[in-house]
Amino acid sequence: GLYVSEMVTARALVEGNQRSRRLAGFAEDESPRSLQLYGTDPDAVGAAVELAVGPGAVDHVDLNFGCPAKKITRHGGGAAIPVRRRLLAAIVRAAVRAAGDVPVTIKFRKGIDADHTTSLDAGRIGRDEGAVAVALHARTAADHYGPPADWSAIARLKDTVPGIPVLGNGDVWEACDALRMMRSTGCDGVVVGRGCLGRPWMFGNLASVFEGRPPAPPPTIGEIVPVMLDHVHGLVDWLGPVVGVRDFRKHTAWYVKGYPIGAEMRRRLSQISSVDELADLLGRIDPSIPLPADARRMPRGHTSGPRPVSLPDGWLDDPDAMPSVRADADALVSGG
């Protein structure tokens, strides 16, 4: 297994943004060190990779070309990039050259929409420009996160780019989903995004099923409580008591998703103002409450879509033209 960092904007990293520099840092004992970068300018991406593989070097660089956010795609960034083949190739080429012996991987979506699919070209470009693996989120940018993932697109990509590992992403909510995806598509591994939100034990279950052992049953609320408290303490150590607790509010909804604890308790958890308040509320919940079977596959995180994709004027006219991409296409937005 490999944990890839939160997405870091290449331009902000190069320009010395302190938050980006901190996000790109690693603990001394952390290994392997895997950094995900996002960028629209080949020069900025190359410079960011040079920084990343310098002192305190990373062991792996991942490039994200999947963000469907309107504020990104309308300026030609994120999921809009793969439709412009020369731009995609230039970014990957710059990253691979700057990385030297450090492996580079790329992640992308099926395309802009059903009429503008790009994943096969993106896979070929990634392979030809030196990426060591490619990952496909089996939805288009127009799908956003709404419709079911189209795993058949992963199978087509695997058939198109022999000789390079293909990873599949989309609707891996339980460990058994990873096995089903690999068996049905022939892909070499899976990328888990929303599926692990509020479910950090999912990775242990993945390790189990890949080794031929049954996954552990879903934990009770009582088993989740110490995980939540450890998580919030980590955020407070990282971000401070105010921002850390505020950031954890969204995680409370993901942790208790599907557990029958009542709407009022969910509301109160989402409005916590301190670690002590969180601990007090969790202490009032019956620790024996299990996760109902019909709640195991409830989506977490983004669920919106489909929606129209906002693009620069003329963006789809000539896929082989080399566009100039605005700096504000590099705004820091997670997703993909």
C-alpha atoms as a PDB file:
ATOM      1  CA  GLY A   1       0.000   0.000   0.000  1.00  0.00           C
ATOM      2  CA  LEU A   2       0.988   3.599  -0.589  1.00  0.00           C
ATOM      3  CA  TYR A   3      -0.412   6.720   1.061  1.00  0.00           C
ATOM      4  CA  VAL A   4      -0.259   9.747  -1.262  1.00  0.00           C
ATOM      5  CA  SER A   5      -0.227  13.173   0.359  1.00  0.00           C
ATOM      6  CA  GLU A   6      -2.895  15.809   0.162  1.00  0.00           C
ATOM      7  CA  MET A   7      -2.773  17.584  -3.188  1.00  0.00           C
ATOM      8  CA  VAL A   8      -0.221  20.431  -3.210  1.00  0.00           C
ATOM      9  CA  THR A   9      -0.247  23.180  -5.814  1.00  0.00           C
ATOM     10  CA  ALA A  10       3.041  23.274  -7.717  1.00  0.00           C
ATOM     11  CA  ARG A  11       3.059  27.046  -8.239  1.00  0.00           C
ATOM     12  CA  ALA A  12       2.426  27.762  -4.553  1.00  0.00           C
ATOM     13  CA  LEU A  13       5.208  25.384  -3.559  1.00  0.00           C
ATOM     14  CA  VAL A  14       7.681  27.074  -5.903  1.00  0.00           C
ATOM     15  CA  GLU A  15       6.660  30.547  -4.751  1.00  0.00           C
ATOM     16  CA  GLY A  16       7.334  29.602  -1.140  1.00  0.00           C
ATOM     17  CA  ASN A  17       3.786  29.499   0.181  1.00  0.00           C
ATOM     18  CA  GLN A  18       4.261  28.383   3.771  1.00  0.00           C
ATOM     19  CA  ARG A  19       1.140  26.223   3.938  1.00  0.00           C
ATOM     20  CA  SER A  20       2.116  24.425   0.741  1.00  0.00           C
ATOM     21  CA  ARG A  21       5.674  23.932   1.959  1.00  0.00           C
ATOM     22  CA  ARG A  22       4.339  22.475   5.186  1.00  0.00           C
ATOM     23  CA  LEU A  23       1.936  20.160   3.359  1.00  0.00           C
ATOM     24  CA  ALA A  24       4.848  18.939   1.258  1.00  0.00           C
ATOM     25  CA  GLY A  25       6.885  18.083   4.348  1.00  0.00           C
ATOM     26  CA  PHE A  26       7.271  14.686   5.972  1.00  0.00           C
ATOM     27  CA  ALA A  27       8.178  13.304   9.362  1.00  0.00           C
ATOM     28  CA  GLU A  28      11.743  12.004   9.727  1.00  0.00           C
ATOM     29  CA  ASP A  29      10.547   8.419  10.089  1.00  0.00           C
ATOM     30  CA  GLU A  30       7.928   8.614   7.345  1.00  0.00           C
ATOM     31  CA  SER A  31       8.547   6.203   4.488  1.00  0.00           C
ATOM     32  CA  PRO A  32       7.820   5.993   1.672  1.00  0.00           C
ATOM     33  CA  ARG A  33       7.322   9.694   1.072  1.00  0.00           C
ATOM     34  CA  SER A  34       4.708  10.206  -1.597  1.00  0.00           C
ATOM     35  CA  LEU A  35       3.746  13.701  -2.773  1.00  0.00           C
ATOM     36  CA  GLN A  36       0.794  14.609  -5.000  1.00  0.00           C
ATOM     37  CA  LEU A  37       1.215  17.757  -7.083  1.00  0.00           C
ATOM     38  CA  TYR A  38      -1.255  19.738  -9.124  1.00  0.00           C
ATOM     39  CA  GLY A  39      -0.276  22.294 -11.740  1.00  0.00           C
ATOM     40  CA  THR A  40      -1.030  23.701 -15.191  1.00  0.00           C
ATOM     41  CA  ASP A  41       2.345  25.201 -16.129  1.00  0.00           C
ATOM     42  CA  PRO A  42       5.059  22.726 -17.140  1.00  0.00           C
ATOM     43  CA  ASP A  43       7.831  25.004 -15.857  1.00  0.00           C
ATOM     44  CA  ALA A  44       6.185  25.407 -12.454  1.00  0.00           C
ATOM     45  CA  VAL A  45       5.541  21.670 -12.165  1.00  0.00           C
ATOM     46  CA  GLY A  46       9.125  20.891 -13.100  1.00  0.00           C
ATOM     47  CA  ALA A  47      10.449  23.382 -10.559  1.00  0.00           C
ATOM     48  CA  ALA A  48       8.158  21.985  -7.863  1.00  0.00           C
ATOM     49  CA  VAL A  49       9.362  18.451  -8.538  1.00  0.00           C
ATOM     50  CA  GLU A  50      12.972  19.638  -8.307  1.00  0.00           C
ATOM     51  CA  LEU A  51      12.202  21.035  -4.867  1.00  0.00           C
ATOM     52  CA  ALA A  52      10.438  17.846  -3.837  1.00  0.00           C
ATOM     53  CA  VAL A  53      13.274  15.508  -4.787  1.00  0.00           C
ATOM     54  CA  GLY A  54      15.919  17.736  -3.200  1.00  0.00           C
ATOM     55  CA  PRO A  55      16.941  17.601   0.469  1.00  0.00           C
ATOM     56  CA  GLY A  56      14.519  15.445   2.458  1.00  0.00           C
ATOM     57  CA  ALA A  57      13.656  13.852  -0.859  1.00  0.00           C
ATOM     58  CA  VAL A  58      10.320  12.291  -1.683  1.00  0.00           C
ATOM     59  CA  ASP A  59      10.189   8.718  -2.939  1.00  0.00           C
ATOM     60  CA  HIS A  60       7.285   9.200  -5.337  1.00  0.00           C
ATOM     61  CA  VAL A  61       5.534  12.048  -7.172  1.00  0.00           C
ATOM     62  CA  ASP A  62       1.906  11.786  -8.297  1.00  0.00           C
ATOM     63  CA  LEU A  63       0.350  14.313 -10.691  1.00  0.00           C
ATOM     64  CA  ASN A  64      -3.386  14.988 -10.337  1.00  0.00           C
ATOM     65  CA  PHE A  65      -5.283  15.831 -13.536  1.00  0.00           C
ATOM     66  CA  GLY A  66      -8.729  15.025 -12.178  1.00  0.00           C
ATOM     67  CA  CYS A  67     -10.110  18.021 -10.291  1.00  0.00           C
ATOM     68  CA  PRO A  68     -13.604  18.866 -11.690  1.00  0.00           C
ATOM     69  CA  ALA A  69     -14.154  22.059  -9.685  1.00  0.00           C
ATOM     70  CA  LYS A  70     -15.626  24.880 -11.775  1.00  0.00           C
ATOM     71  CA  LYS A  71     -13.136  27.464 -10.487  1.00  0.00           C
ATOM     72  CA  ILE A  72     -10.336  25.252 -11.839  1.00  0.00           C
ATOM     73  CA  THR A  73     -11.704  23.893 -15.127  1.00  0.00           C
ATOM     74  CA  ARG A  74     -13.059  27.241 -16.332  1.00  0.00           C
ATOM     75  CA  HIS A  75      -9.458  28.471 -16.493  1.00  0.00           C
ATOM     76  CA  GLY A  76      -8.172  25.316 -18.191  1.00  0.00           C
ATOM     77  CA  GLY A  77      -6.880  23.484 -15.143  1.00  0.00           C
ATOM     78  CA  GLY A  78      -7.598  20.179 -13.410  1.00  0.00           C
ATOM     79  CA  ALA A  79      -9.750  17.767 -15.381  1.00  0.00           C
ATOM     80  CA  ALA A  80      -9.687  20.167 -18.350  1.00  0.00           C
ATOM     81  CA  ILE A  81      -5.995  19.520 -19.017  1.00  0.00           C
ATOM     82  CA  PRO A  82      -6.067  16.021 -20.603  1.00  0.00           C
ATOM     83  CA  VAL A  83      -8.228  17.194 -23.520  1.00  0.00           C
ATOM     84  CA  ARG A  84      -5.257  19.381 -24.510  1.00  0.00           C
ATOM     85  CA  ARG A  85      -2.805  16.614 -25.319  1.00  0.00           C
ATOM     86  CA  ARG A  86       0.298  18.753 -25.865  1.00  0.00           C
ATOM     87  CA  LEU A  87      -0.182  20.521 -22.549  1.00  0.00           C
ATOM     88  CA  LEU A  88      -0.633  17.229 -20.698  1.00  0.00           C
ATOM     89  CA  ALA A  89       2.464  15.775 -22.348  1.00  0.00           C
ATOM     90  CA  ALA A  90       4.536  18.863 -21.530  1.00  0.00           C
ATOM     91  CA  ILE A  91       3.560  18.770 -17.845  1.00  0.00           C
ATOM     92  CA  VAL A  92       4.287  15.062 -17.453  1.00  0.00           C
ATOM     93  CA  ARG A  93       7.562  15.414 -19.373  1.00  0.00           C
ATOM     94  CA  ALA A  94       8.703  18.278 -17.153  1.00  0.00           C
ATOM     95  CA  ALA A  95       7.899  16.329 -13.999  1.00  0.00           C
ATOM     96  CA  VAL A  96       9.638  13.152 -15.160  1.00  0.00           C
ATOM     97  CA  ARG A  97      12.776  15.019 -16.204  1.00  0.00           C
ATOM     98  CA  ALA A  98      12.954  16.896 -12.921  1.00  0.00           C
ATOM     99  CA  ALA A  99      12.291  13.769 -10.884  1.00  0.00           C
ATOM    100  CA  GLY A 100      15.316  11.866 -12.135  1.00  0.00           C
ATOM    101  CA  ASP A 101      15.208   8.413 -10.561  1.00  0.00           C
ATOM    102  CA  VAL A 102      12.123   9.196  -8.471  1.00  0.00           C
ATOM    103  CA  PRO A 103       9.044   7.543 -10.020  1.00  0.00           C
ATOM    104  CA  VAL A 104       6.207   9.731 -11.323  1.00  0.00           C
ATOM    105  CA  THR A 105       2.604   8.578 -11.666  1.00  0.00           C
ATOM    106  CA  ILE A 106      -0.447  10.396 -13.016  1.00  0.00           C
ATOM    107  CA  LYS A 107      -4.164  10.306 -12.247  1.00  0.00           C
ATOM    108  CA  PHE A 108      -6.956  11.486 -14.555  1.00  0.00           C
ATOM    109  CA  ARG A 109     -10.657  11.055 -15.341  1.00  0.00           C
ATOM    110  CA  LYS A 110     -12.489   9.448 -18.283  1.00  0.00           C
ATOM    111  CA  GLY A 111     -12.714  12.828 -19.970  1.00  0.00           C
ATOM    112  CA  ILE A 112     -14.679  16.058 -20.029  1.00  0.00           C
ATOM    113  CA  ASP A 113     -18.023  14.412 -20.704  1.00  0.00           C
ATOM    114  CA  ALA A 114     -19.467  11.510 -22.676  1.00  0.00           C
ATOM    115  CA  ASP A 115     -18.710  13.290 -25.969  1.00  0.00           C
ATOM    116  CA  HIS A 116     -15.121  14.167 -25.070  1.00  0.00           C
ATOM    117  CA  THR A 117     -13.394  11.150 -23.558  1.00  0.00           C
ATOM    118  CA  THR A 118      -9.648  11.441 -23.090  1.00  0.00           C
ATOM    119  CA  SER A 119      -8.498   8.622 -20.808  1.00  0.00           C
ATOM    120  CA  LEU A 120      -6.973   6.435 -23.522  1.00  0.00           C
ATOM    121  CA  ASP A 121      -4.908   9.311 -24.912  1.00  0.00           C
ATOM    122  CA  ALA A 122      -3.965  10.371 -21.378  1.00  0.00           C
ATOM    123  CA  GLY A 123      -2.792   6.859 -20.580  1.00  0.00           C
ATOM    124  CA  ARG A 124      -0.677   6.675 -23.727  1.00  0.00           C
ATOM    125  CA  ILE A 125       0.799  10.110 -23.056  1.00  0.00           C
ATOM    126  CA  GLY A 126       1.637   9.193 -19.488  1.00  0.00           C
ATOM    127  CA  ARG A 127       3.359   5.998 -20.594  1.00  0.00           C
ATOM    128  CA  ASP A 128       5.235   7.628 -23.472  1.00  0.00           C
ATOM    129  CA  GLU A 129       6.445  10.550 -21.348  1.00  0.00           C
ATOM    130  CA  GLY A 130       7.873   8.302 -18.661  1.00  0.00           C
ATOM    131  CA  ALA A 131       5.229   7.881 -15.976  1.00  0.00           C
ATOM    132  CA  VAL A 132       5.629   4.530 -14.227  1.00  0.00           C
ATOM    133  CA  ALA A 133       1.881   4.007 -13.646  1.00  0.00           C
ATOM    134  CA  VAL A 134      -1.422   5.645 -14.545  1.00  0.00           C
ATOM    135  CA  ALA A 135      -4.614   5.847 -12.485  1.00  0.00           C
ATOM    136  CA  LEU A 136      -8.120   6.377 -13.844  1.00  0.00           C
ATOM    137  CA  HIS A 137     -11.034   7.809 -11.893  1.00  0.00           C
ATOM    138  CA  ALA A 138     -13.789   6.141 -13.891  1.00  0.00           C
ATOM    139  CA  ARG A 139     -16.028   9.199 -14.141  1.00  0.00           C
ATOM    140  CA  THR A 140     -15.947  12.220 -16.436  1.00  0.00           C
ATOM    141  CA  ALA A 141     -15.566  15.769 -15.160  1.00  0.00           C
ATOM    142  CA  ALA A 142     -19.266  16.264 -15.986  1.00  0.00           C
ATOM    143  CA  ASP A 143     -20.115  13.269 -13.794  1.00  0.00           C
ATOM    144  CA  HIS A 144     -18.389  15.037 -10.921  1.00  0.00           C
ATOM    145  CA  TYR A 145     -18.988  12.479  -8.124  1.00  0.00           C
ATOM    146  CA  GLY A 146     -22.607  11.585  -8.817  1.00  0.00           C
ATOM    147  CA  PRO A 147     -23.232   8.647 -11.212  1.00  0.00           C
ATOM    148  CA  PRO A 148     -21.729   5.203 -10.550  1.00  0.00           C
ATOM    149  CA  ALA A 149     -18.152   4.807 -11.726  1.00  0.00           C
ATOM    150  CA  ASP A 150     -17.770   3.193 -15.149  1.00  0.00           C
ATOM    151  CA  TRP A 151     -15.332   0.380 -14.463  1.00  0.00           C
ATOM    152  CA  SER A 152     -15.409  -0.684 -18.110  1.00  0.00           C
ATOM    153  CA  ALA A 153     -13.343   2.438 -18.869  1.00  0.00           C
ATOM    154  CA  ILE A 154     -10.607   1.046 -16.612  1.00  0.00           C
ATOM    155  CA  ALA A 155     -10.623  -2.210 -18.590  1.00  0.00           C
ATOM    156  CA  ARG A 156     -10.321  -0.308 -21.879  1.00  0.00           C
ATOM    157  CA  LEU A 157      -7.387   1.696 -20.526  1.00  0.00           C
ATOM    158  CA  LYS A 158      -5.666  -1.476 -19.345  1.00  0.00           C
ATOM    159  CA  ASP A 159      -6.005  -2.944 -22.843  1.00  0.00           C
ATOM    160  CA  THR A 160      -4.702   0.281 -24.418  1.00  0.00           C
ATOM    161  CA  VAL A 161      -1.475   0.742 -22.450  1.00  0.00           C
ATOM    162  CA  PRO A 162       0.206  -2.645 -22.071  1.00  0.00           C
ATOM    163  CA  GLY A 163       3.480  -2.631 -20.224  1.00  0.00           C
ATOM    164  CA  ILE A 164       2.528  -0.031 -17.617  1.00  0.00           C
ATOM    165  CA  PRO A 165       0.498  -0.598 -14.425  1.00  0.00           C
ATOM    166  CA  VAL A 166      -3.059   0.751 -14.514  1.00  0.00           C
ATOM    167  CA  LEU A 167      -4.792   1.618 -11.245  1.00  0.00           C
ATOM    168  CA  GLY A 168      -8.562   1.960 -10.952  1.00  0.00           C
ATOM    169  CA  ASN A 169     -10.472   4.498  -8.896  1.00  0.00           C
ATOM    170  CA  GLY A 170     -14.175   4.941  -8.219  1.00  0.00           C
ATOM    171  CA  ASP A 171     -16.759   3.294  -5.949  1.00  0.00           C
ATOM    172  CA  VAL A 172     -14.354   1.280  -3.838  1.00  0.00           C
ATOM    173  CA  TRP A 173     -16.447   1.506  -0.662  1.00  0.00           C
ATOM    174  CA  GLU A 174     -15.491  -1.851   0.845  1.00  0.00           C
ATOM    175  CA  ALA A 175     -12.432  -4.058   0.562  1.00  0.00           C
ATOM    176  CA  CYS A 176     -14.319  -6.572  -1.583  1.00  0.00           C
ATOM    177  CA  ASP A 177     -14.933  -3.808  -4.128  1.00  0.00           C
ATOM    178  CA  ALA A 178     -11.193  -3.629  -4.782  1.00  0.00           C
ATOM    179  CA  LEU A 179     -11.089  -7.325  -5.660  1.00  0.00           C
ATOM    180  CA  ARG A 180     -14.167  -7.017  -7.866  1.00  0.00           C
ATOM    181  CA  MET A 181     -12.633  -4.071  -9.710  1.00  0.00           C
ATOM    182  CA  MET A 182      -9.358  -5.870 -10.332  1.00  0.00           C
ATOM    183  CA  ARG A 183     -11.056  -9.076 -11.450  1.00  0.00           C
ATOM    184  CA  SER A 184     -13.528  -7.353 -13.762  1.00  0.00           C
ATOM    185  CA  THR A 185     -11.123  -4.844 -15.333  1.00  0.00           C
ATOM    186  CA  GLY A 186      -7.725  -6.521 -15.181  1.00  0.00           C
ATOM    187  CA  CYS A 187      -6.257  -3.441 -13.485  1.00  0.00           C
ATOM    188  CA  ASP A 188      -3.126  -3.810 -11.386  1.00  0.00           C
ATOM    189  CA  GLY A 189      -4.315  -2.061  -8.244  1.00  0.00           C
ATOM    190  CA  VAL A 190      -6.818   0.398  -6.834  1.00  0.00           C
ATOM    191  CA  VAL A 191      -6.839   4.004  -5.681  1.00  0.00           C
ATOM    192  CA  VAL A 192      -9.111   4.731  -2.724  1.00  0.00           C
ATOM    193  CA  GLY A 193     -10.462   8.262  -2.307  1.00  0.00           C
ATOM    194  CA  ARG A 194     -13.819   8.929  -0.673  1.00  0.00           C
ATOM    195  CA  GLY A 195     -14.087   5.289   0.397  1.00  0.00           C
ATOM    196  CA  CYS A 196     -11.698   5.794   3.301  1.00  0.00           C
ATOM    197  CA  LEU A 197     -13.329   8.952   4.680  1.00  0.00           C
ATOM    198  CA  GLY A 198     -14.274   8.093   8.251  1.00  0.00           C
ATOM    199  CA  ARG A 199     -13.060   4.549   7.556  1.00  0.00           C
ATOM    200  CA  PRO A 200      -9.265   4.492   8.139  1.00  0.00           C
ATOM    201  CA  TRP A 201      -9.472   0.777   8.990  1.00  0.00           C
ATOM    202  CA  MET A 202     -10.401   0.085   5.377  1.00  0.00           C
ATOM    203  CA  PHE A 203      -6.716  -0.209   4.488  1.00  0.00           C
ATOM    204  CA  GLY A 204      -6.259  -3.057   6.957  1.00  0.00           C
ATOM    205  CA  ASN A 205      -9.228  -4.772   5.341  1.00  0.00           C
ATOM    206  CA  LEU A 206      -7.695  -4.253   1.906  1.00  0.00           C
ATOM    207  CA  ALA A 207      -4.472  -5.868   3.090  1.00  0.00           C
ATOM    208  CA  SER A 208      -6.502  -8.799   4.412  1.00  0.00           C
ATOM    209  CA  VAL A 209      -8.462  -9.496   1.241  1.00  0.00           C
ATOM    210  CA  PHE A 210      -5.377  -9.153  -0.960  1.00  0.00           C
ATOM    211  CA  GLU A 211      -3.755 -11.823   1.215  1.00  0.00           C
ATOM    212  CA  GLY A 212      -6.793 -14.090   0.929  1.00  0.00           C
ATOM    213  CA  ARG A 213      -8.175 -13.434   4.410  1.00  0.00           C
ATOM    214  CA  PRO A 214     -11.700 -12.165   5.190  1.00  0.00           C
ATOM    215  CA  PRO A 215     -11.984  -8.493   6.132  1.00  0.00           C
ATOM    216  CA  ALA A 216     -12.750  -7.528   9.705  1.00  0.00           C
ATOM    217  CA  PRO A 217     -16.404  -6.669  10.396  1.00  0.00           C
ATOM    218  CA  PRO A 218     -17.312  -2.982  10.642  1.00  0.00           C
ATOM    219  CA  PRO A 219     -16.462  -1.568  14.077  1.00  0.00           C
ATOM    220  CA  THR A 220     -19.026  -0.580  16.655  1.00  0.00           C
ATOM    221  CA  ILE A 221     -19.339   3.054  17.670  1.00  0.00           C
ATOM    222  CA  GLY A 222     -17.336   2.226  20.793  1.00  0.00           C
ATOM    223  CA  GLU A 223     -14.445   1.009  18.648  1.00  0.00           C
ATOM    224  CA  ILE A 224     -14.567   4.177  16.543  1.00  0.00           C
ATOM    225  CA  VAL A 225     -14.401   6.613  19.479  1.00  0.00           C
ATOM    226  CA  PRO A 226     -10.653   6.232  20.246  1.00  0.00           C
ATOM    227  CA  VAL A 227      -9.859   6.552  16.523  1.00  0.00           C
ATOM    228  CA  MET A 228     -11.839   9.806  16.318  1.00  0.00           C
ATOM    229  CA  LEU A 229     -10.144  11.209  19.415  1.00  0.00           C
ATOM    230  CA  ASP A 230      -6.698  10.292  18.132  1.00  0.00           C
ATOM    231  CA  HIS A 231      -7.575  11.941  14.812  1.00  0.00           C
ATOM    232  CA  VAL A 232      -8.780  15.202  16.340  1.00  0.00           C
ATOM    233  CA  HIS A 233      -5.722  15.415  18.615  1.00  0.00           C
ATOM    234  CA  GLY A 234      -3.526  15.030  15.548  1.00  0.00           C
ATOM    235  CA  LEU A 235      -5.360  17.845  13.766  1.00  0.00           C
ATOM    236  CA  VAL A 236      -5.088  20.080  16.816  1.00  0.00           C
ATOM    237  CA  ASP A 237      -1.348  19.414  16.995  1.00  0.00           C
ATOM    238  CA  TRP A 238      -1.070  20.257  13.288  1.00  0.00           C
ATOM    239  CA  LEU A 239      -3.455  23.205  12.933  1.00  0.00           C
ATOM    240  CA  GLY A 240      -4.006  24.493  16.462  1.00  0.00           C
ATOM    241  CA  PRO A 241      -7.004  24.108  18.773  1.00  0.00           C
ATOM    242  CA  VAL A 242      -9.438  26.341  16.880  1.00  0.00           C
ATOM    243  CA  VAL A 243      -8.749  25.430  13.259  1.00  0.00           C
ATOM    244  CA  GLY A 244      -8.030  21.788  14.105  1.00  0.00           C
ATOM    245  CA  VAL A 245     -11.396  21.262  15.810  1.00  0.00           C
ATOM    246  CA  ARG A 246     -13.205  23.186  13.091  1.00  0.00           C
ATOM    247  CA  ASP A 247     -11.565  21.030  10.422  1.00  0.00           C
ATOM    248  CA  PHE A 248     -12.559  17.861  12.265  1.00  0.00           C
ATOM    249  CA  ARG A 249     -16.258  18.710  12.159  1.00  0.00           C
ATOM    250  CA  LYS A 250     -16.670  17.285   8.662  1.00  0.00           C
ATOM    251  CA  HIS A 251     -14.895  14.115   9.736  1.00  0.00           C
ATOM    252  CA  THR A 252     -17.466  13.492  12.466  1.00  0.00           C
ATOM    253  CA  ALA A 253     -20.159  13.096   9.812  1.00  0.00           C
ATOM    254  CA  TRP A 254     -18.029  10.587   7.898  1.00  0.00           C
ATOM    255  CA  TYR A 255     -17.137   8.528  10.962  1.00  0.00           C
ATOM    256  CA  VAL A 256     -20.737   8.118  12.149  1.00  0.00           C
ATOM    257  CA  LYS A 257     -22.291   7.816   8.679  1.00  0.00           C
ATOM    258  CA  GLY A 258     -24.901   5.084   8.761  1.00  0.00           C
ATOM    259  CA  TYR A 259     -24.794   4.469  12.505  1.00  0.00           C
ATOM    260  CA  PRO A 260     -28.241   4.961  14.130  1.00  0.00           C
ATOM    261  CA  ILE A 261     -27.268   7.607  16.680  1.00  0.00           C
ATOM    262  CA  GLY A 262     -30.015  10.139  15.913  1.00  0.00           C
ATOM    263  CA  ALA A 263     -30.181  13.398  13.982  1.00  0.00           C
ATOM    264  CA  GLU A 264     -29.666  15.572  17.052  1.00  0.00           C
ATOM    265  CA  MET A 265     -26.410  13.859  17.995  1.00  0.00           C
ATOM    266  CA  ARG A 266     -25.159  14.182  14.414  1.00  0.00           C
ATOM    267  CA  ARG A 267     -25.974  17.891  14.475  1.00  0.00           C
ATOM    268  CA  ARG A 268     -24.166  18.441  17.751  1.00  0.00           C
ATOM    269  CA  LEU A 269     -21.099  16.538  16.590  1.00  0.00           C
ATOM    270  CA  SER A 270     -20.973  18.716  13.486  1.00  0.00           C
ATOM    271  CA  GLN A 271     -20.881  21.850  15.635  1.00  0.00           C
ATOM    272  CA  ILE A 272     -18.215  20.938  18.206  1.00  0.00           C
ATOM    273  CA  SER A 273     -16.009  23.764  19.473  1.00  0.00           C
ATOM    274  CA  SER A 274     -13.441  21.788  21.505  1.00  0.00           C
ATOM    275  CA  VAL A 275     -11.893  18.364  21.941  1.00  0.00           C
ATOM    276  CA  ASP A 276     -13.509  18.104  25.376  1.00  0.00           C
ATOM    277  CA  GLU A 277     -16.949  18.725  23.877  1.00  0.00           C
ATOM    278  CA  LEU A 278     -16.326  16.017  21.285  1.00  0.00           C
ATOM    279  CA  ALA A 279     -15.226  13.554  23.960  1.00  0.00           C
ATOM    280  CA  ASP A 280     -18.271  14.370  26.089  1.00  0.00           C
ATOM    281  CA  LEU A 281     -20.696  13.817  23.196  1.00  0.00           C
ATOM    282  CA  LEU A 282     -19.065  10.566  22.141  1.00  0.00           C
ATOM    283  CA  GLY A 283     -19.261   9.369  25.722  1.00  0.00           C
ATOM    284  CA  ARG A 284     -23.052   9.694  25.635  1.00  0.00           C
ATOM    285  CA  ILE A 285     -23.445   7.264  22.720  1.00  0.00           C
ATOM    286  CA  ASP A 286     -24.091   3.597  23.374  1.00  0.00           C
ATOM    287  CA  PRO A 287     -20.717   2.049  22.471  1.00  0.00           C
ATOM    288  CA  SER A 288     -22.291  -1.236  21.354  1.00  0.00           C
ATOM    289  CA  ILE A 289     -24.153   0.296  18.386  1.00  0.00           C
ATOM    290  CA  PRO A 290     -23.142  -1.599  15.208  1.00  0.00           C
ATOM    291  CA  LEU A 291     -23.133  -0.421  11.615  1.00  0.00           C
ATOM    292  CA  PRO A 292     -26.241  -1.808   9.865  1.00  0.00           C
ATOM    293  CA  ALA A 293     -25.517  -4.000   6.871  1.00  0.00           C
ATOM    294  CA  ASP A 294     -27.398  -1.686   4.508  1.00  0.00           C
ATOM    295  CA  ALA A 295     -25.207   1.263   5.565  1.00  0.00           C
ATOM    296  CA  ARG A 296     -21.830  -0.228   4.702  1.00  0.00           C
ATOM    297  CA  ARG A 297     -21.784   1.198   1.172  1.00  0.00           C
ATOM    298  CA  MET A 298     -23.192   4.644   1.902  1.00  0.00           C
ATOM    299  CA  PRO A 299     -21.215   7.253  -0.112  1.00  0.00           C
ATOM    300  CA  ARG A 300     -19.139   9.763   1.800  1.00  0.00           C
ATOM    301  CA  GLY A 301     -17.554  13.005   0.697  1.00  0.00           C
ATOM    302  CA  HIS A 302     -18.689  14.670  -2.519  1.00  0.00           C
ATOM    303  CA  THR A 303     -21.886  13.221  -3.987  1.00  0.00           C
ATOM    304  CA  SER A 304     -22.857  15.981  -6.438  1.00  0.00           C
ATOM    305  CA  GLY A 305     -23.276  15.582 -10.173  1.00  0.00           C
ATOM    306  CA  PRO A 306     -23.716  15.310 -13.007  1.00  0.00           C
ATOM    307  CA  ARG A 307     -23.221  18.960 -13.918  1.00  0.00           C
ATOM    308  CA  PRO A 308     -22.007  20.947 -16.949  1.00  0.00           C
ATOM    309  CA  VAL A 309     -18.248  21.507 -17.155  1.00  0.00           C
ATOM    310  CA  SER A 310     -17.107  25.108 -17.342  1.00  0.00           C
ATOM    311  CA  LEU A 311     -14.204  25.545 -19.788  1.00  0.00           C
ATOM    312  CA  PRO A 312     -12.353  28.472 -21.403  1.00  0.00           C
ATOM    313  CA  ASP A 313     -13.774  29.670 -24.714  1.00  0.00           C
ATOM    314  CA  GLY A 314     -12.630  27.421 -27.546  1.00  0.00           C
ATOM    315  CA  TRP A 315     -10.983  24.906 -25.212  1.00  0.00           C
ATOM    316  CA  LEU A 316     -12.367  21.927 -27.141  1.00  0.00           C
ATOM    317  CA  ASP A 317     -11.630  23.287 -30.618  1.00  0.00           C
ATOM    318  CA  ASP A 318      -8.108  21.926 -31.151  1.00  0.00           C
ATOM    319  CA  PRO A 319      -6.816  19.249 -28.768  1.00  0.00           C
ATOM    320  CA  ASP A 320      -3.298  19.535 -30.198  1.00  0.00           C
ATOM    321  CA  ALA A 321      -2.972  23.299 -29.773  1.00  0.00           C
ATOM    322  CA  MET A 322      -0.731  24.416 -26.906  1.00  0.00           C
ATOM    323  CA  PRO A 323      -2.812  26.797 -24.783  1.00  0.00           C
ATOM    324  CA  SER A 324      -1.675  29.446 -22.375  1.00  0.00           C
ATOM    325  CA  VAL A 325      -3.189  28.616 -19.002  1.00  0.00           C
ATOM    326  CA  ARG A 326      -3.984  31.357 -16.514  1.00  0.00           C
ATOM    327  CA  ALA A 327      -2.276  31.377 -13.145  1.00  0.00           C
ATOM    328  CA  ASP A 328      -5.619  31.268 -11.319  1.00  0.00           C
ATOM    329  CA  ALA A 329      -6.162  27.789 -12.774  1.00  0.00           C
ATOM    330  CA  ASP A 330      -3.656  26.727 -10.124  1.00  0.00           C
ATOM    331  CA  ALA A 331      -5.891  27.655  -7.196  1.00  0.00           C
ATOM    332  CA  LEU A 332      -5.668  25.101  -4.402  1.00  0.00           C
ATOM    333  CA  VAL A 333      -8.723  22.884  -4.674  1.00  0.00           C
ATOM    334  CA  SER A 334      -8.741  19.265  -3.561  1.00  0.00           C
ATOM    335  CA  GLY A 335     -10.479  16.621  -5.598  1.00  0.00           C
ATOM    336  CA  GLY A 336     -10.225  14.431  -8.635  1.00  0.00           C
END
